C-alpha atoms as a PDB file:
ATOM      1  CA  MET A   1      81.426 -38.492  71.606  1.00  0.00           C
ATOM      2  CA  SER A   2      81.414 -37.582  67.922  1.00  0.00           C
ATOM      3  CA  PRO A   3      78.531 -38.617  65.714  1.00  0.00           C
ATOM      4  CA  VAL A   4      79.093 -41.574  63.805  1.00  0.00           C
ATOM      5  CA  LEU A   5      79.997 -40.794  59.971  1.00  0.00           C
ATOM      6  CA  ASP A   6      79.499 -44.026  58.172  1.00  0.00           C
ATOM      7  CA  GLU A   7      78.051 -45.674  54.870  1.00  0.00           C
ATOM      8  CA  THR A   8      74.355 -44.514  55.682  1.00  0.00           C
ATOM      9  CA  ALA A   9      75.091 -40.731  55.686  1.00  0.00           C
ATOM     10  CA  LYS A  10      72.234 -39.067  54.030  1.00  0.00           C
ATOM     11  CA  GLY A  11      70.835 -36.000  53.547  1.00  0.00           C
ATOM     12  CA  VAL A  12      72.727 -32.669  53.275  1.00  0.00           C
ATOM     13  CA  PHE A  13      75.834 -32.036  54.598  1.00  0.00           C
ATOM     14  CA  ILE A  14      76.508 -28.381  53.910  1.00  0.00           C
ATOM     15  CA  ILE A  15      79.956 -27.388  52.912  1.00  0.00           C
ATOM     16  CA  SER A  16      80.796 -24.374  55.300  1.00  0.00           C
ATOM     17  CA  ALA A  17      81.756 -21.135  53.946  1.00  0.00           C
ATOM     18  CA  THR A  18      85.031 -19.674  56.381  1.00  0.00           C
ATOM     19  CA  PRO A  19      83.725 -16.116  57.397  1.00  0.00           C
ATOM     20  CA  PHE A  20      86.344 -13.266  57.407  1.00  0.00           C
ATOM     21  CA  GLU A  21      86.418 -10.069  58.775  1.00  0.00           C
ATOM     22  CA  GLU A  22      87.035  -6.972  56.331  1.00  0.00           C
ATOM     23  CA  ASP A  23      90.503  -7.100  57.302  1.00  0.00           C
ATOM     24  CA  GLY A  24      90.620 -10.858  56.352  1.00  0.00           C
ATOM     25  CA  ALA A  25      91.218 -12.179  59.852  1.00  0.00           C
ATOM     26  CA  LEU A  26      88.913 -15.100  60.986  1.00  0.00           C
ATOM     27  CA  ASP A  27      85.260 -13.790  61.983  1.00  0.00           C
ATOM     28  CA  LEU A  28      84.417 -16.390  64.706  1.00  0.00           C
ATOM     29  CA  GLU A  29      80.949 -14.445  65.598  1.00  0.00           C
ATOM     30  CA  SER A  30      80.031 -14.888  62.258  1.00  0.00           C
ATOM     31  CA  THR A  31      81.120 -18.557  62.283  1.00  0.00           C
ATOM     32  CA  ASP A  32      78.670 -18.979  65.371  1.00  0.00           C
ATOM     33  CA  ARG A  33      75.697 -17.632  63.377  1.00  0.00           C
ATOM     34  CA  MET A  34      76.296 -19.715  60.353  1.00  0.00           C
ATOM     35  CA  VAL A  35      76.596 -22.999  62.269  1.00  0.00           C
ATOM     36  CA  ASP A  36      73.167 -21.815  63.626  1.00  0.00           C
ATOM     37  CA  TYR A  37      71.666 -21.069  60.738  1.00  0.00           C
ATOM     38  CA  TYR A  38      72.926 -24.695  58.972  1.00  0.00           C
ATOM     39  CA  LEU A  39      71.486 -26.596  61.937  1.00  0.00           C
ATOM     40  CA  GLU A  40      68.109 -24.606  62.252  1.00  0.00           C
ATOM     41  CA  SER A  41      68.081 -25.503  58.256  1.00  0.00           C
ATOM     42  CA  GLY A  42      67.841 -29.067  58.865  1.00  0.00           C
ATOM     43  CA  VAL A  43      71.160 -30.479  57.440  1.00  0.00           C
ATOM     44  CA  THR A  44      72.224 -33.788  58.434  1.00  0.00           C
ATOM     45  CA  GLY A  45      75.945 -33.039  58.488  1.00  0.00           C
ATOM     46  CA  MET A  46      78.450 -30.324  58.084  1.00  0.00           C
ATOM     47  CA  THR A  47      81.880 -30.231  55.893  1.00  0.00           C
ATOM     48  CA  ILE A  48      84.491 -27.826  56.777  1.00  0.00           C
ATOM     49  CA  LEU A  49      87.795 -26.354  55.265  1.00  0.00           C
ATOM     50  CA  GLY A  50      86.645 -27.587  52.083  1.00  0.00           C
ATOM     51  CA  VAL A  51      87.346 -25.587  48.522  1.00  0.00           C
ATOM     52  CA  MET A  52      84.639 -23.205  49.436  1.00  0.00           C
ATOM     53  CA  GLY A  53      86.184 -23.211  52.816  1.00  0.00           C
ATOM     54  CA  GLU A  54      89.608 -21.535  51.421  1.00  0.00           C
ATOM     55  CA  ALA A  55      91.256 -24.112  53.395  1.00  0.00           C
ATOM     56  CA  PRO A  56      94.957 -23.537  51.700  1.00  0.00           C
ATOM     57  CA  LYS A  57      94.293 -19.680  52.630  1.00  0.00           C
ATOM     58  CA  LEU A  58      94.432 -20.695  56.600  1.00  0.00           C
ATOM     59  CA  THR A  59      97.324 -21.134  58.636  1.00  0.00           C
ATOM     60  CA  PRO A  60      97.333 -24.474  60.470  1.00  0.00           C
ATOM     61  CA  ASP A  61      96.750 -22.649  63.772  1.00  0.00           C
ATOM     62  CA  GLU A  62      94.133 -20.894  61.936  1.00  0.00           C
ATOM     63  CA  SER A  63      92.814 -24.153  60.665  1.00  0.00           C
ATOM     64  CA  ILE A  64      92.221 -25.761  64.381  1.00  0.00           C
ATOM     65  CA  THR A  65      90.962 -22.529  65.739  1.00  0.00           C
ATOM     66  CA  PHE A  66      87.817 -22.441  63.252  1.00  0.00           C
ATOM     67  CA  CYS A  67      87.634 -26.648  63.643  1.00  0.00           C
ATOM     68  CA  GLU A  68      87.549 -26.004  67.463  1.00  0.00           C
ATOM     69  CA  ARG A  69      84.710 -23.493  66.885  1.00  0.00           C
ATOM     70  CA  VAL A  70      82.550 -24.942  64.600  1.00  0.00           C
ATOM     71  CA  LEU A  71      82.682 -28.284  66.613  1.00  0.00           C
ATOM     72  CA  ASN A  72      81.910 -26.422  70.122  1.00  0.00           C
ATOM     73  CA  ARG A  73      78.970 -24.545  68.584  1.00  0.00           C
ATOM     74  CA  VAL A  74      77.728 -27.881  66.969  1.00  0.00           C
ATOM     75  CA  GLU A  75      77.714 -29.639  70.196  1.00  0.00           C
ATOM     76  CA  GLY A  76      77.541 -33.338  68.622  1.00  0.00           C
ATOM     77  CA  ARG A  77      74.282 -32.476  67.237  1.00  0.00           C
ATOM     78  CA  VAL A  78      75.443 -33.532  63.588  1.00  0.00           C
ATOM     79  CA  PRO A  79      78.613 -35.190  62.253  1.00  0.00           C
ATOM     80  CA  VAL A  80      81.514 -32.898  60.919  1.00  0.00           C
ATOM     81  CA  VAL A  81      83.952 -33.747  58.240  1.00  0.00           C
ATOM     82  CA  VAL A  82      86.904 -31.616  57.971  1.00  0.00           C
ATOM     83  CA  GLY A  83      88.672 -31.467  54.354  1.00  0.00           C
ATOM     84  CA  VAL A  84      92.648 -32.475  55.089  1.00  0.00           C
ATOM     85  CA  SER A  85      93.570 -33.003  51.577  1.00  0.00           C
ATOM     86  CA  ALA A  86      97.427 -31.954  51.493  1.00  0.00           C
ATOM     87  CA  PRO A  87     100.045 -32.790  49.143  1.00  0.00           C
ATOM     88  CA  ALA A  88     102.044 -34.652  51.713  1.00  0.00           C
ATOM     89  CA  LEU A  89     100.659 -37.686  53.636  1.00  0.00           C
ATOM     90  CA  GLY A  90     102.666 -36.225  56.669  1.00  0.00           C
ATOM     91  CA  ALA A  91     100.392 -33.341  56.450  1.00  0.00           C
ATOM     92  CA  ILE A  92      97.153 -35.355  56.239  1.00  0.00           C
ATOM     93  CA  GLN A  93      98.325 -37.019  58.987  1.00  0.00           C
ATOM     94  CA  THR A  94      98.916 -34.196  61.335  1.00  0.00           C
ATOM     95  CA  LEU A  95      95.638 -32.220  60.513  1.00  0.00           C
ATOM     96  CA  THR A  96      93.438 -35.200  60.805  1.00  0.00           C
ATOM     97  CA  SER A  97      94.936 -36.290  64.305  1.00  0.00           C
ATOM     98  CA  ASN A  98      94.014 -33.050  65.530  1.00  0.00           C
ATOM     99  CA  VAL A  99      90.795 -32.663  64.179  1.00  0.00           C
ATOM    100  CA  MET A 100      89.762 -36.060  65.194  1.00  0.00           C
ATOM    101  CA  ASN A 101      90.956 -35.600  68.609  1.00  0.00           C
ATOM    102  CA  ILE A 102      88.658 -32.266  69.016  1.00  0.00           C
ATOM    103  CA  GLY A 103      85.411 -34.012  68.027  1.00  0.00           C
ATOM    104  CA  ALA A 104      85.373 -34.484  64.270  1.00  0.00           C
ATOM    105  CA  SER A 105      83.580 -37.466  63.000  1.00  0.00           C
ATOM    106  CA  GLY A 106      85.468 -38.067  59.514  1.00  0.00           C
ATOM    107  CA  VAL A 107      87.764 -36.395  57.021  1.00  0.00           C
ATOM    108  CA  MET A 108      87.893 -35.674  53.371  1.00  0.00           C
ATOM    109  CA  VAL A 109      90.279 -36.496  51.094  1.00  0.00           C
ATOM    110  CA  ALA A 110      90.784 -35.368  47.107  1.00  0.00           C
ATOM    111  CA  PRO A 111      93.124 -37.075  45.404  1.00  0.00           C
ATOM    112  CA  MET A 112      96.877 -35.632  45.061  1.00  0.00           C
ATOM    113  CA  ALA A 113      97.246 -33.530  42.052  1.00  0.00           C
ATOM    114  CA  GLY A 114      99.411 -35.357  39.138  1.00  0.00           C
ATOM    115  CA  LEU A 115      97.644 -38.795  39.207  1.00  0.00           C
ATOM    116  CA  ARG A 116      97.050 -40.213  36.114  1.00  0.00           C
ATOM    117  CA  THR A 117      96.594 -44.048  36.179  1.00  0.00           C
ATOM    118  CA  ASP A 118      94.273 -46.000  37.948  1.00  0.00           C
ATOM    119  CA  ARG A 119      97.418 -47.566  39.497  1.00  0.00           C
ATOM    120  CA  GLN A 120      98.510 -44.403  40.808  1.00  0.00           C
ATOM    121  CA  ILE A 121      95.212 -43.571  42.013  1.00  0.00           C
ATOM    122  CA  GLU A 122      94.596 -46.581  43.952  1.00  0.00           C
ATOM    123  CA  ASN A 123      98.011 -46.652  45.502  1.00  0.00           C
ATOM    124  CA  TYR A 124      97.563 -43.283  46.738  1.00  0.00           C
ATOM    125  CA  TYR A 125      94.500 -44.015  48.476  1.00  0.00           C
ATOM    126  CA  HIS A 126      95.614 -47.332  50.202  1.00  0.00           C
ATOM    127  CA  ASP A 127      98.552 -44.987  51.283  1.00  0.00           C
ATOM    128  CA  VAL A 128      96.026 -42.370  52.585  1.00  0.00           C
ATOM    129  CA  CYS A 129      93.877 -45.389  54.623  1.00  0.00           C
ATOM    130  CA  GLU A 130      97.005 -47.005  55.936  1.00  0.00           C
ATOM    131  CA  THR A 131      98.265 -43.501  57.104  1.00  0.00           C
ATOM    132  CA  LEU A 132      94.692 -42.478  59.004  1.00  0.00           C
ATOM    133  CA  GLY A 133      93.648 -46.373  60.023  1.00  0.00           C
ATOM    134  CA  ASP A 134      90.181 -46.377  61.203  1.00  0.00           C
ATOM    135  CA  THR A 135      89.086 -42.599  60.218  1.00  0.00           C
ATOM    136  CA  PRO A 136      86.174 -42.322  58.213  1.00  0.00           C
ATOM    137  CA  ILE A 137      87.070 -41.043  54.937  1.00  0.00           C
ATOM    138  CA  VAL A 138      85.130 -39.022  52.118  1.00  0.00           C
ATOM    139  CA  LEU A 139      86.583 -40.030  49.126  1.00  0.00           C
ATOM    140  CA  GLN A 140      86.147 -36.599  46.870  1.00  0.00           C
ATOM    141  CA  ASP A 141      85.536 -37.345  43.043  1.00  0.00           C
ATOM    142  CA  TYR A 142      85.772 -33.977  41.602  1.00  0.00           C
ATOM    143  CA  PRO A 143      87.736 -33.577  38.364  1.00  0.00           C
ATOM    144  CA  PRO A 144      87.261 -30.084  37.363  1.00  0.00           C
ATOM    145  CA  SER A 145      89.410 -29.381  40.599  1.00  0.00           C
ATOM    146  CA  SER A 146      91.618 -32.109  41.137  1.00  0.00           C
ATOM    147  CA  ASN A 147      92.359 -33.310  37.198  1.00  0.00           C
ATOM    148  CA  VAL A 148      92.016 -36.484  38.356  1.00  0.00           C
ATOM    149  CA  TYR A 149      89.583 -39.141  37.034  1.00  0.00           C
ATOM    150  CA  PHE A 150      87.926 -42.124  38.369  1.00  0.00           C
ATOM    151  CA  SER A 151      86.423 -44.677  36.487  1.00  0.00           C
ATOM    152  CA  VAL A 152      83.401 -46.378  38.184  1.00  0.00           C
ATOM    153  CA  GLU A 153      85.241 -49.427  37.887  1.00  0.00           C
ATOM    154  CA  LEU A 154      88.233 -47.822  40.169  1.00  0.00           C
ATOM    155  CA  LEU A 155      85.809 -46.817  42.566  1.00  0.00           C
ATOM    156  CA  ASN A 156      84.663 -49.819  43.161  1.00  0.00           C
ATOM    157  CA  LYS A 157      87.855 -51.447  43.682  1.00  0.00           C
ATOM    158  CA  LEU A 158      88.682 -48.754  46.145  1.00  0.00           C
ATOM    159  CA  PHE A 159      85.404 -49.064  48.250  1.00  0.00           C
ATOM    160  CA  ALA A 160      85.865 -52.864  47.784  1.00  0.00           C
ATOM    161  CA  ASP A 161      89.311 -53.029  49.163  1.00  0.00           C
ATOM    162  CA  LEU A 162      89.068 -49.912  51.725  1.00  0.00           C
ATOM    163  CA  PRO A 163      86.675 -50.140  54.567  1.00  0.00           C
ATOM    164  CA  SER A 164      87.620 -46.732  55.993  1.00  0.00           C
ATOM    165  CA  LEU A 165      86.217 -45.223  52.556  1.00  0.00           C
ATOM    166  CA  LYS A 166      82.502 -44.509  53.994  1.00  0.00           C
ATOM    167  CA  ILE A 167      81.212 -41.590  51.424  1.00  0.00           C
ATOM    168  CA  LEU A 168      81.769 -41.008  47.448  1.00  0.00           C
ATOM    169  CA  LYS A 169      81.393 -37.027  47.116  1.00  0.00           C
ATOM    170  CA  HIS A 170      80.340 -37.061  43.624  1.00  0.00           C
ATOM    171  CA  GLU A 171      81.076 -34.407  41.740  1.00  0.00           C
ATOM    172  CA  ASP A 172      82.059 -35.741  37.949  1.00  0.00           C
ATOM    173  CA  SER A 173      80.341 -33.843  35.327  1.00  0.00           C
ATOM    174  CA  PRO A 174      78.443 -35.315  33.093  1.00  0.00           C
ATOM    175  CA  GLY A 175      77.890 -37.889  35.852  1.00  0.00           C
ATOM    176  CA  LEU A 176      74.518 -39.153  35.951  1.00  0.00           C
ATOM    177  CA  ARG A 177      75.188 -42.141  34.143  1.00  0.00           C
ATOM    178  CA  LYS A 178      78.273 -42.488  36.472  1.00  0.00           C
ATOM    179  CA  ILE A 179      76.036 -42.694  39.309  1.00  0.00           C
ATOM    180  CA  SER A 180      73.502 -45.285  37.824  1.00  0.00           C
ATOM    181  CA  GLN A 181      76.030 -47.616  37.153  1.00  0.00           C
ATOM    182  CA  PHE A 182      77.823 -47.242  40.710  1.00  0.00           C
ATOM    183  CA  ARG A 183      74.346 -48.069  42.237  1.00  0.00           C
ATOM    184  CA  GLN A 184      73.904 -51.065  39.690  1.00  0.00           C
ATOM    185  CA  ASP A 185      77.390 -52.280  40.461  1.00  0.00           C
ATOM    186  CA  GLU A 186      76.109 -52.608  44.275  1.00  0.00           C
ATOM    187  CA  GLU A 187      72.771 -53.939  43.682  1.00  0.00           C
ATOM    188  CA  ALA A 188      74.679 -56.737  41.586  1.00  0.00           C
ATOM    189  CA  GLY A 189      76.391 -57.647  44.677  1.00  0.00           C
ATOM    190  CA  ASN A 190      79.846 -56.672  43.553  1.00  0.00           C
ATOM    191  CA  ARG A 191      80.610 -54.708  46.526  1.00  0.00           C
ATOM    192  CA  ARG A 192      79.244 -53.151  49.615  1.00  0.00           C
ATOM    193  CA  ARG A 193      76.452 -50.484  49.659  1.00  0.00           C
ATOM    194  CA  VAL A 194      78.234 -46.504  50.212  1.00  0.00           C
ATOM    195  CA  SER A 195      76.670 -43.354  50.755  1.00  0.00           C
ATOM    196  CA  VAL A 196      76.695 -41.239  47.732  1.00  0.00           C
ATOM    197  CA  LEU A 197      76.532 -37.321  48.271  1.00  0.00           C
ATOM    198  CA  VAL A 198      76.707 -35.087  45.295  1.00  0.00           C
ATOM    199  CA  GLY A 199      78.359 -31.438  44.678  1.00  0.00           C
ATOM    200  CA  ASN A 200      78.617 -28.864  42.171  1.00  0.00           C
ATOM    201  CA  GLY A 201      76.396 -26.519  43.783  1.00  0.00           C
ATOM    202  CA  ALA A 202      73.319 -29.079  43.895  1.00  0.00           C
ATOM    203  CA  LEU A 203      73.151 -27.918  39.902  1.00  0.00           C
ATOM    204  CA  TYR A 204      71.718 -31.190  39.331  1.00  0.00           C
ATOM    205  CA  LEU A 205      70.182 -32.222  42.628  1.00  0.00           C
ATOM    206  CA  PRO A 206      66.840 -33.286  41.479  1.00  0.00           C
ATOM    207  CA  GLN A 207      68.028 -36.055  38.903  1.00  0.00           C
ATOM    208  CA  GLU A 208      70.858 -37.120  40.775  1.00  0.00           C
ATOM    209  CA  LEU A 209      68.254 -37.960  43.497  1.00  0.00           C
ATOM    210  CA  GLN A 210      66.620 -39.950  40.976  1.00  0.00           C
ATOM    211  CA  ARG A 211      69.634 -41.880  39.898  1.00  0.00           C
ATOM    212  CA  GLY A 212      70.004 -43.072  43.480  1.00  0.00           C
ATOM    213  CA  VAL A 213      72.271 -40.717  45.252  1.00  0.00           C
ATOM    214  CA  ASP A 214      71.512 -40.296  49.349  1.00  0.00           C
ATOM    215  CA  GLY A 215      71.840 -36.570  49.462  1.00  0.00           C
ATOM    216  CA  ALA A 216      74.101 -33.351  48.890  1.00  0.00           C
ATOM    217  CA  MET A 217      77.160 -32.405  50.101  1.00  0.00           C
ATOM    218  CA  THR A 218      78.050 -28.684  48.701  1.00  0.00           C
ATOM    219  CA  GLY A 219      77.453 -25.314  50.102  1.00  0.00           C
ATOM    220  CA  PHE A 220      74.650 -23.419  48.176  1.00  0.00           C
ATOM    221  CA  ALA A 221      73.537 -20.264  49.804  1.00  0.00           C
ATOM    222  CA  PHE A 222      70.207 -21.666  50.842  1.00  0.00           C
ATOM    223  CA  ALA A 223      70.904 -24.950  52.555  1.00  0.00           C
ATOM    224  CA  GLU A 224      67.159 -25.406  53.385  1.00  0.00           C
ATOM    225  CA  MET A 225      66.206 -25.566  49.907  1.00  0.00           C
ATOM    226  CA  MET A 226      68.400 -28.598  49.471  1.00  0.00           C
ATOM    227  CA  VAL A 227      67.040 -30.232  52.850  1.00  0.00           C
ATOM    228  CA  GLN A 228      63.576 -29.727  51.308  1.00  0.00           C
ATOM    229  CA  VAL A 229      64.102 -31.271  48.074  1.00  0.00           C
ATOM    230  CA  CYS A 230      65.960 -34.321  49.672  1.00  0.00           C
ATOM    231  CA  ALA A 231      63.030 -34.255  52.071  1.00  0.00           C
ATOM    232  CA  LEU A 232      60.362 -34.212  49.096  1.00  0.00           C
ATOM    233  CA  HIS A 233      61.911 -36.780  47.175  1.00  0.00           C
ATOM    234  CA  SER A 234      62.098 -39.436  50.032  1.00  0.00           C
ATOM    235  CA  ASN A 235      58.744 -38.882  50.592  1.00  0.00           C
ATOM    236  CA  GLU A 236      58.088 -39.333  46.596  1.00  0.00           C
ATOM    237  CA  LYS A 237      56.891 -36.148  46.326  1.00  0.00           C
ATOM    238  CA  PHE A 238      58.906 -35.647  42.718  1.00  0.00           C
ATOM    239  CA  GLU A 239      57.169 -32.781  41.054  1.00  0.00           C
ATOM    240  CA  GLU A 240      57.006 -30.698  43.928  1.00  0.00           C
ATOM    241  CA  ALA A 241      60.893 -31.068  44.772  1.00  0.00           C
ATOM    242  CA  GLU A 242      61.335 -30.176  41.108  1.00  0.00           C
ATOM    243  CA  ASP A 243      58.981 -27.084  41.375  1.00  0.00           C
ATOM    244  CA  LEU A 244      60.773 -26.179  44.794  1.00  0.00           C
ATOM    245  CA  PHE A 245      64.318 -26.353  43.124  1.00  0.00           C
ATOM    246  CA  ASP A 246      63.108 -24.318  39.902  1.00  0.00           C
ATOM    247  CA  ALA A 247      62.466 -21.848  42.245  1.00  0.00           C
ATOM    248  CA  TYR A 248      66.163 -21.344  43.447  1.00  0.00           C
ATOM    249  CA  LEU A 249      67.598 -22.569  39.960  1.00  0.00           C
ATOM    250  CA  PRO A 250      68.673 -19.119  38.303  1.00  0.00           C
ATOM    251  CA  LEU A 251      70.781 -18.826  41.878  1.00  0.00           C
ATOM    252  CA  VAL A 252      72.110 -22.279  41.618  1.00  0.00           C
ATOM    253  CA  ARG A 253      73.297 -21.717  38.293  1.00  0.00           C
ATOM    254  CA  HIS A 254      74.923 -18.108  38.692  1.00  0.00           C
ATOM    255  CA  GLU A 255      76.670 -19.517  41.917  1.00  0.00           C
ATOM    256  CA  GLN A 256      78.181 -21.781  40.117  1.00  0.00           C
ATOM    257  CA  GLN A 257      80.171 -19.702  37.959  1.00  0.00           C
ATOM    258  CA  ILE A 258      84.048 -20.152  38.300  1.00  0.00           C
ATOM    259  CA  GLY A 259      86.441 -17.828  39.917  1.00  0.00           C
ATOM    260  CA  ILE A 260      83.338 -15.262  41.306  1.00  0.00           C
ATOM    261  CA  GLY A 261      81.068 -18.123  42.717  1.00  0.00           C
ATOM    262  CA  LEU A 262      82.554 -18.414  46.201  1.00  0.00           C
ATOM    263  CA  ALA A 263      82.455 -14.324  46.497  1.00  0.00           C
ATOM    264  CA  LEU A 264      78.417 -14.475  45.094  1.00  0.00           C
ATOM    265  CA  ARG A 265      77.779 -17.213  47.723  1.00  0.00           C
ATOM    266  CA  LYS A 266      79.309 -15.234  50.457  1.00  0.00           C
ATOM    267  CA  ASP A 267      77.364 -11.856  49.512  1.00  0.00           C
ATOM    268  CA  VAL A 268      74.134 -14.085  49.675  1.00  0.00           C
ATOM    269  CA  LEU A 269      75.217 -15.158  53.433  1.00  0.00           C
ATOM    270  CA  ARG A 270      76.129 -11.677  54.094  1.00  0.00           C
ATOM    271  CA  ARG A 271      72.630 -10.196  52.725  1.00  0.00           C
ATOM    272  CA  ARG A 272      70.937 -12.812  54.895  1.00  0.00           C
ATOM    273  CA  GLY A 273      72.535 -11.608  57.845  1.00  0.00           C
ATOM    274  CA  ILE A 274      74.283 -14.890  58.534  1.00  0.00           C
ATOM    275  CA  ILE A 275      77.884 -13.557  58.364  1.00  0.00           C
ATOM    276  CA  SER A 276      79.260  -9.769  58.508  1.00  0.00           C
ATOM    277  CA  SER A 277      81.418  -9.552  55.383  1.00  0.00           C
ATOM    278  CA  ALA A 278      81.371 -11.236  52.394  1.00  0.00           C
ATOM    279  CA  THR A 279      85.354 -10.996  52.252  1.00  0.00           C
ATOM    280  CA  THR A 280      87.133 -13.820  50.437  1.00  0.00           C
ATOM    281  CA  ARG A 281      91.440 -14.111  51.426  1.00  0.00           C
ATOM    282  CA  LYS A 282      93.414 -12.485  49.114  1.00  0.00           C
ATOM    283  CA  PRO A 283      94.069 -13.554  46.405  1.00  0.00           C
ATOM    284  CA  GLY A 284      90.294 -14.187  46.151  1.00  0.00           C
ATOM    285  CA  PRO A 285      87.200 -13.091  44.096  1.00  0.00           C
ATOM    286  CA  ALA A 286      85.113 -10.158  44.973  1.00  0.00           C
ATOM    287  CA  LEU A 287      82.179  -8.308  43.450  1.00  0.00           C
ATOM    288  CA  ASP A 288      82.131  -5.358  41.418  1.00  0.00           C
ATOM    289  CA  SER A 289      79.041  -2.747  41.535  1.00  0.00           C
ATOM    290  CA  THR A 290      77.507  -4.524  38.054  1.00  0.00           C
ATOM    291  CA  ASP A 291      78.173  -8.105  40.064  1.00  0.00           C
ATOM    292  CA  ALA A 292      76.226  -6.739  43.004  1.00  0.00           C
ATOM    293  CA  ALA A 293      73.436  -5.338  40.824  1.00  0.00           C
ATOM    294  CA  GLU A 294      72.658  -8.678  38.806  1.00  0.00           C
ATOM    295  CA  LEU A 295      72.984 -10.709  42.174  1.00  0.00           C
ATOM    296  CA  SER A 296      70.258  -8.275  43.880  1.00  0.00           C
ATOM    297  CA  ALA A 297      67.952  -8.854  40.585  1.00  0.00           C
ATOM    298  CA  LEU A 298      68.243 -12.542  40.899  1.00  0.00           C
ATOM    299  CA  LEU A 299      67.156 -12.368  44.732  1.00  0.00           C
ATOM    300  CA  VAL A 300      64.265 -10.438  43.602  1.00  0.00           C
ATOM    301  CA  ARG A 301      63.351 -13.038  41.087  1.00  0.00           C
ATOM    302  CA  LEU A 302      63.902 -15.616  43.608  1.00  0.00           C
ATOM    303  CA  ASN A 303      61.088 -14.063  45.939  1.00  0.00           C
ATOM    304  CA  ARG A 304      58.617 -13.650  43.166  1.00  0.00           C
ATOM    305  CA  ASN A 305      58.996 -17.537  42.193  1.00  0.00           C
ATOM    306  CA  LEU A 306      58.710 -18.578  45.853  1.00  0.00           C
ATOM    307  CA  GLU A 307      55.352 -16.471  46.083  1.00  0.00           C
ATOM    308  CA  VAL A 308      54.182 -18.136  43.172  1.00  0.00           C
ATOM    309  CA  LEU A 309      54.424 -21.421  45.048  1.00  0.00           C
ATOM    310  CA  GLY A 310      53.268 -19.657  48.337  1.00  0.00           C
ATOM    311  CA  LYS A 311      56.083 -20.442  49.982  1.00  0.00           C
ATOM    312  CA  GLU A 312      57.696 -17.947  52.906  1.00  0.00           C
ATOM    313  CA  THR A 313      60.313 -15.172  50.950  1.00  0.00           C
ATOM    314  CA  TYR A 314      63.086 -13.988  52.248  1.00  0.00           C
ATOM    315  CA  GLU A 315      64.608 -10.305  53.527  1.00  0.00           C
ATOM    316  CA  PHE A 316      67.688  -9.247  52.089  1.00  0.00           C
ATOM    317  CA  SER A 317      70.199  -6.487  53.225  1.00  0.00           C
ATOM    318  CA  ASP A 318      71.905  -4.582  50.329  1.00  0.00           C
END
């Protein structure tokens, strides 16, 4: 039985990369190592076939093959969410049916491109929820990617009216006040409480936790940092959480570069021995020698920062 995905989700739902061989084929052996690493890091869930997972570059058969491999490796230890966003409801329905049948716990749906008004967005999610029935859904609020903006009032209405929406993946920026207002509306009894997990590469994670989010759903290459920061915050060790976060912050920032960020993230995973190749599907970003040297310098600084905190350091390959 698949683990439950509901409004109580918290901790770190890691956004997974999709490993490829040098020739662009799916690398399923690296997929196994990557899943093992994520689980050993203490993540409470995984999200696959998102933007970081290069989902639009996979064929339908490859998407199912990758999902099956991840789900078989996870063995029900944590819930797995699958990104199913597509221009057509029929495509969303087909992929959702396929992944739920093989053990996914829920799906993530971003708004369709071109939605502009609250009424258009509202109608779209009503159509999605009607199409997918009782399937648990993560609503992705990521305006820089979708070009669709959700007001807090609209989010309140959607989560009040559509019980299959379980989690808000919050990636609006600036978005701290939006989190506060969203939580205040819950506390005022305006609607049920739902889980809020944040993205943006964890760039604002400590402040977002202070504003009341439940954790992160993003793909920073050091999942253990996010897990530990969330745990420290939960135990009210706020300064310690900030200190640990600060040690990794230069890399968090560096990974957030538009365009090249995915290549940087995958190369860190490669240097850590988690995946065999940093290849992205063409057309996609790749590092040149200067990019690689900059990343090496940042990894050296990370270990130096961790030494100052008395934390275990890393070994990286070239």
